[in-house]
């Protein structure tokens, strides 16, 4: 799915949440993707954390072609080479846990949408000067909503996405959205490992749908 940066930003804002997931088993990854889509997810981040992540992602990208309105991106990108490999696998966007200039340079050169991870105002500013429009506040549970407010008070044009420690309940999500986030990233808090292991995808769908509904109420 080929979209402009503005169109990707809009799509991320519309649902307000980007699920963050990885698994070494392609069949489980497919079922989690299907479940997320049924629940209303339209932007999904698979992370580069297992040794076979590239292989799984390639298969998942082909599988996801049946959803013509779904963006499938790759996370945990630390090097230019990783960005290059997943670019050939047609990732729709690239996310890093840190601000990595070589990843930024590669994505800019190839016209790819990239999201750097930042934990200081200096990092956010440097990312902005290199063309970032959306920044991942990571780790979110350490930085807190106050960091979002502080960044936006001096760089109101940048968009922020906390990841790490964001919880799928109204109390927690309310704090983040009141702080002015563009969207939130959610991984382990959203995907219950036991439910996945037991094949309980109906409860997983229910939880994801609940989180999305809360976000729509808050926006």
Protein backbone atom coordinates (compact mmCIF):
# COMPACT_ATOMS: atom_id res chain seq x y z
CA UNK A 1 0.00 0.00 0.00
CA UNK A 2 1.72 3.18 -1.21
CA UNK A 3 0.74 6.38 0.56
CA UNK A 4 2.27 9.82 1.06
CA UNK A 5 3.68 10.84 4.45
CA UNK A 6 0.61 12.95 5.15
CA UNK A 7 -1.70 10.06 4.25
CA UNK A 8 0.23 7.70 6.54
CA UNK A 9 0.05 10.22 9.39
CA UNK A 10 -3.69 10.60 8.87
CA UNK A 11 -4.21 6.83 8.88
CA UNK A 12 -2.26 6.54 12.13
CA UNK A 13 -4.33 9.30 13.67
CA UNK A 14 -7.66 7.85 12.55
CA UNK A 15 -7.37 4.67 14.64
CA UNK A 16 -5.04 6.28 17.17
CA UNK A 17 -3.20 3.06 17.96
CA UNK A 18 -0.45 1.03 16.33
CA UNK A 19 -0.20 -2.54 17.64
CA UNK A 20 3.41 -3.69 18.06
CA UNK A 21 3.93 -7.43 17.69
CA UNK A 22 6.46 -10.07 16.76
CA UNK A 23 6.55 -13.85 16.68
CA UNK A 24 8.83 -16.41 15.07
CA UNK A 25 5.85 -18.53 13.93
CA UNK A 26 4.33 -17.18 10.71
CA UNK A 27 0.99 -18.93 11.31
CA UNK A 28 0.58 -17.25 14.69
CA UNK A 29 1.65 -13.91 13.19
CA UNK A 30 -1.03 -14.31 10.52
CA UNK A 31 -3.74 -15.08 13.08
CA UNK A 32 -2.76 -12.09 15.23
CA UNK A 33 -2.81 -9.86 12.15
CA UNK A 34 -6.24 -11.18 11.13
CA UNK A 35 -7.58 -10.69 14.65
CA UNK A 36 -6.21 -7.14 14.83
CA UNK A 37 -7.75 -6.24 11.49
CA UNK A 38 -11.15 -7.65 12.51
CA UNK A 39 -10.97 -5.53 15.65
CA UNK A 40 -10.44 -2.37 13.58
CA UNK A 41 -6.67 -2.00 13.30
CA UNK A 42 -5.46 -0.46 10.03
CA UNK A 43 -1.82 0.21 10.89
CA UNK A 44 0.26 -2.68 12.24
CA UNK A 45 3.92 -2.81 13.30
CA UNK A 46 5.80 -6.10 13.20
CA UNK A 47 9.12 -5.93 15.04
CA UNK A 48 12.55 -7.12 13.95
CA UNK A 49 13.36 -9.05 17.12
CA UNK A 50 13.60 -12.73 16.18
CA UNK A 51 16.40 -14.22 14.08
CA UNK A 52 13.85 -15.11 11.36
CA UNK A 53 11.99 -11.78 11.50
CA UNK A 54 12.75 -10.90 7.87
CA UNK A 55 11.44 -14.24 6.62
CA UNK A 56 8.28 -13.96 8.74
CA UNK A 57 7.74 -10.35 7.65
CA UNK A 58 8.07 -11.21 3.96
CA UNK A 59 5.41 -13.91 4.31
CA UNK A 60 3.19 -11.66 6.42
CA UNK A 61 3.43 -8.82 3.88
CA UNK A 62 2.27 -11.12 1.09
CA UNK A 63 -0.50 -12.48 3.31
CA UNK A 64 -1.63 -8.95 4.20
CA UNK A 65 -2.23 -8.08 0.55
CA UNK A 66 -5.83 -9.24 1.04
CA UNK A 67 -6.33 -6.13 3.21
CA UNK A 68 -5.99 -3.27 0.74
CA UNK A 69 -6.41 -0.62 3.45
CA UNK A 70 -3.83 -1.99 5.91
CA UNK A 71 -0.38 -0.52 6.49
CA UNK A 72 2.21 -3.05 7.63
CA UNK A 73 5.44 -1.57 8.95
CA UNK A 74 8.60 -2.88 10.55
CA UNK A 75 9.96 -1.91 13.95
CA UNK A 76 13.24 -2.30 15.88
CA UNK A 77 15.35 -1.06 12.97
CA UNK A 78 18.84 -0.04 14.12
CA UNK A 79 20.95 -0.09 10.95
CA UNK A 80 20.92 1.03 7.33
CA UNK A 81 21.29 -2.59 6.26
CA UNK A 82 18.21 -3.65 8.23
CA UNK A 83 16.27 -0.78 6.68
CA UNK A 84 17.47 -1.84 3.23
CA UNK A 85 16.42 -5.47 3.71
CA UNK A 86 12.96 -4.60 4.94
CA UNK A 87 12.60 -1.97 2.24
CA UNK A 88 12.98 -4.75 -0.33
CA UNK A 89 10.35 -6.66 1.67
CA UNK A 90 8.08 -3.64 1.03
CA UNK A 91 7.54 -2.45 4.59
CA UNK A 92 5.12 0.49 4.58
CA UNK A 93 6.99 2.34 7.35
CA UNK A 94 10.07 1.96 9.53
CA UNK A 95 10.32 2.41 13.30
CA UNK A 96 13.48 2.61 15.42
CA UNK A 97 13.73 2.45 19.23
CA UNK A 98 16.43 5.14 18.96
CA UNK A 99 17.34 8.10 16.77
CA UNK A 100 19.65 6.53 14.18
CA UNK A 101 20.90 8.96 11.49
CA UNK A 102 21.96 6.19 9.06
CA UNK A 103 18.41 4.79 9.11
CA UNK A 104 17.01 8.29 8.63
CA UNK A 105 19.35 8.94 5.69
CA UNK A 106 18.47 5.67 3.99
CA UNK A 107 14.71 6.15 4.41
CA UNK A 108 14.92 9.74 3.19
CA UNK A 109 16.92 8.66 0.15
CA UNK A 110 14.33 5.98 -0.69
CA UNK A 111 11.31 8.14 0.18
CA UNK A 112 10.29 5.82 3.03
CA UNK A 113 8.30 6.93 6.09
CA UNK A 114 10.45 6.55 9.21
CA UNK A 115 9.73 7.01 12.89
CA UNK A 116 12.73 7.47 15.22
CA UNK A 117 12.69 6.69 18.92
CA UNK A 118 13.61 9.70 21.05
CA UNK A 119 13.95 10.27 24.80
CA UNK A 120 15.18 13.89 24.94
CA UNK A 121 14.21 17.20 23.39
CA UNK A 122 17.59 17.31 21.66
CA UNK A 123 16.92 13.97 19.97
CA UNK A 124 13.44 15.07 18.90
CA UNK A 125 14.85 18.30 17.46
CA UNK A 126 17.65 16.48 15.61
CA UNK A 127 15.14 13.99 14.23
CA UNK A 128 12.95 16.87 13.06
CA UNK A 129 15.87 18.54 11.27
CA UNK A 130 16.41 15.28 9.37
CA UNK A 131 12.80 15.21 8.24
CA UNK A 132 10.94 13.24 10.91
CA UNK A 133 7.29 14.21 11.22
CA UNK A 134 6.31 11.59 13.82
CA UNK A 135 8.53 10.67 16.76
CA UNK A 136 8.29 7.61 18.98
CA UNK A 137 8.63 8.58 22.66
CA UNK A 138 10.45 5.55 24.03
CA UNK A 139 10.35 4.15 26.63
CA UNK A 140 6.98 5.75 27.26
CA UNK A 141 6.61 4.46 30.80
CA UNK A 142 9.87 6.17 31.78
CA UNK A 143 9.28 9.43 29.93
CA UNK A 144 5.61 9.87 30.82
CA UNK A 145 2.94 12.25 29.45
CA UNK A 146 4.86 15.21 30.86
CA UNK A 147 7.58 14.62 28.25
CA UNK A 148 4.97 14.79 25.47
CA UNK A 149 3.64 18.10 26.80
CA UNK A 150 7.13 19.56 27.15
CA UNK A 151 8.14 18.62 23.59
CA UNK A 152 4.93 19.95 22.06
CA UNK A 153 5.24 23.22 23.97
CA UNK A 154 8.39 24.10 22.01
CA UNK A 155 7.98 21.93 18.88
CA UNK A 156 4.20 22.00 18.31
CA UNK A 157 4.56 20.90 14.68
CA UNK A 158 6.05 17.50 15.57
CA UNK A 159 3.77 14.56 16.21
CA UNK A 160 4.38 12.18 19.11
CA UNK A 161 3.71 8.47 19.61
CA UNK A 162 4.53 6.96 23.03
CA UNK A 163 5.40 3.26 23.05
CA UNK A 164 6.27 1.13 26.06
CA UNK A 165 4.03 1.10 29.09
CA UNK A 166 0.90 2.39 27.35
CA UNK A 167 -2.04 0.47 28.82
CA UNK A 168 -5.33 -0.42 27.04
CA UNK A 169 -7.60 1.19 29.62
CA UNK A 170 -9.43 4.51 29.74
CA UNK A 171 -7.49 5.93 32.69
CA UNK A 172 -4.08 5.45 31.10
CA UNK A 173 -5.06 6.28 27.53
CA UNK A 174 -6.85 9.43 28.70
CA UNK A 175 -3.64 10.77 30.24
CA UNK A 176 -1.68 10.23 27.03
CA UNK A 177 -4.25 11.75 24.68
CA UNK A 178 -4.77 14.74 26.96
CA UNK A 179 -1.02 15.29 26.70
CA UNK A 180 -1.46 15.67 22.93
CA UNK A 181 -0.21 12.41 21.39
CA UNK A 182 -0.89 11.75 17.71
CA UNK A 183 -1.32 8.03 18.37
CA UNK A 184 0.04 5.37 20.72
CA UNK A 185 2.03 2.20 20.20
CA UNK A 186 1.01 -0.83 22.22
CA UNK A 187 2.61 -4.27 22.44
CA UNK A 188 2.72 -6.59 25.43
CA UNK A 189 -0.07 -4.69 27.19
CA UNK A 190 -2.35 -5.38 24.23
CA UNK A 191 -1.37 -8.88 23.17
CA UNK A 192 -1.94 -11.36 25.98
CA UNK A 193 0.65 -14.11 25.58
CA UNK A 194 -1.50 -16.74 27.28
CA UNK A 195 -4.47 -16.00 25.04
CA UNK A 196 -2.26 -16.35 21.97
CA UNK A 197 -0.68 -19.58 23.22
CA UNK A 198 -4.14 -21.02 23.93
CA UNK A 199 -5.49 -19.85 20.58
CA UNK A 200 -8.07 -17.63 22.28
CA UNK A 201 -8.24 -15.06 19.50
CA UNK A 202 -11.82 -14.06 20.27
CA UNK A 203 -10.79 -12.53 23.62
CA UNK A 204 -7.80 -10.94 21.91
CA UNK A 205 -10.10 -9.33 19.35
CA UNK A 206 -12.37 -8.12 22.14
CA UNK A 207 -9.47 -6.48 24.00
CA UNK A 208 -8.12 -4.76 20.89
CA UNK A 209 -11.58 -3.52 19.92
CA UNK A 210 -12.11 -2.20 23.45
CA UNK A 211 -8.85 -0.22 23.33
CA UNK A 212 -9.72 1.24 19.92
CA UNK A 213 -13.19 2.24 21.13
CA UNK A 214 -11.73 3.99 24.18
CA UNK A 215 -9.34 5.93 21.95
CA UNK A 216 -12.17 7.02 19.64
CA UNK A 217 -14.11 8.29 22.67
CA UNK A 218 -11.10 10.26 23.87
CA UNK A 219 -10.23 11.89 20.54
